[in-house]
Amino acid sequence: MHSGRIIFSQLMSFLPKHEFNKCVHRYRGEHHIRSFSCFDQFLCMAFAQLTYRESLRDIETCLRAMQPKLYHAGFRGKVSRSTLADANEKRDWRIYADFAHVLIGMARELYASEDFGLQITQAAYALDSTTIDLCLSLFPWASFRQQKGAIKLHTEMDLRGSIPCVIRITHGKVHDVTFLDQLVLEPAAFYVMDRGYIDFARLYRFTQNMAFFVTRAKSNLDYTRRSSHSIDPGTGLRSDQIILLRGPKTSQLYSDSLRRISFFDIGEHRRLIFLTNNFVLPALTIALLFKRRWKIELFFKWIKQNLRIKAFYGTSENTVKTQIWIAISVYLLAAIIKKKLRIQRTLNEILQVLSITLFENDELLQLLTNFHLQDQTEGFCNQLNLFNF
């Protein structure tokens, strides 16, 4: 039975408020603050993400138009453009980063048994980064090139459920491979990455920690073949070899054996060469595991298209990081309610419905399960969706 609360209030009720308060106290987020709490700031920014607001003035205008409903939505402080700008500028972005990690833990627990199309019992993670371009004159702290600014989102994603586990935000000059130094490696887990992460000294740390990596080999790889396994060419496999690195530096940095798998992708008409330190899984499973890496690329594409992380509400580093972490929290919140309420809709559909119904007096589950969509398959057959199962 409907509780009488508006949609926005029902949605925010899935947030662990006590954990949010812990994050605020950890960084003294409300020291000398009399009104407009950190949670008010979070609600404003979450509203902006869910309804695709373009600016602080846009946020202020829309929320003030809903003034009679703001208290019931959870807002306790007065919403104004200047107050929100000051909060984004001065309140520690780590409050929202820590809270996003709380939501990551909740989401990963919900999706722990999710099937991602391969019969492996170990955890599987994809590693990649995406670059968000910025104007260097407005964001001078985000150095990238001589006349261009940018930040990078380095991400480790759990392939079971497409949940980002670790996110590191840096300026654009930071190389992708340095992200490997930040990882706490999980024994027996698989880490899937592209050629930008090839550094044999760092990859050897995976072997030392009994973790597995799957990556693509560079074309100039210098190696010697020790043995070969039989393969079925009808599956796309071309070779399955055990190799040793032969280069003067690489052979010292990675002295153990590696597995080299050659696979021809019929769909894209190209040959792919994979390197891994796992010698047990079938070669075809290794190739298909690498193919699942597209999920993290889809995640980057999805958040850029559906969340506000390209047009920022301020120019300081603190403001940008606050906005990104709250955007990620909104993504995780949508994933959590999808799983908890067992909603058979894509994440994109859920957010589209929420964007126009946040202040409606309706029941959340009924709203997200009973709406009717016209057949949109025509013209969108190549569009992929996260959580489309």
Foldseek 3Di string as FASTA:
>chain_A
DFPQFFQLQVLCVPQPVVQLVVLCVVQVQCPVNDFCGVVNLLSLLLLCFLQVQQALVSSLVVVVVVVVRVVSSPHDGRRDSVVSVVSLVPGFLVSLVSSLLVLLVLLCVLLVPADLPAPDDAWEKEWDKDKFWDQCVLAVVQDADPGTGIKMWTFIFTLRQRRTNDTDIHRNNDQNLVVLVVDDDDAAYEYEYEPSNDDLLSVVVCVVRNHKYKYFDDPPFAKDFDDWDDDDVVLQWDTWTKIAGDDPPNCVSHVDIWIWTWGQDPVVGDITIMIMPDPPDDSSSSVVSNVSSVSVVVVVVVLVVRGPLNRFHHRYPSSNSNSVSSSSSSLSSLSSCCSVLVQQDFSVLLSVQCNPRRRPRDDSSCSRHVDDDDDPCVPCVPPDTRPND
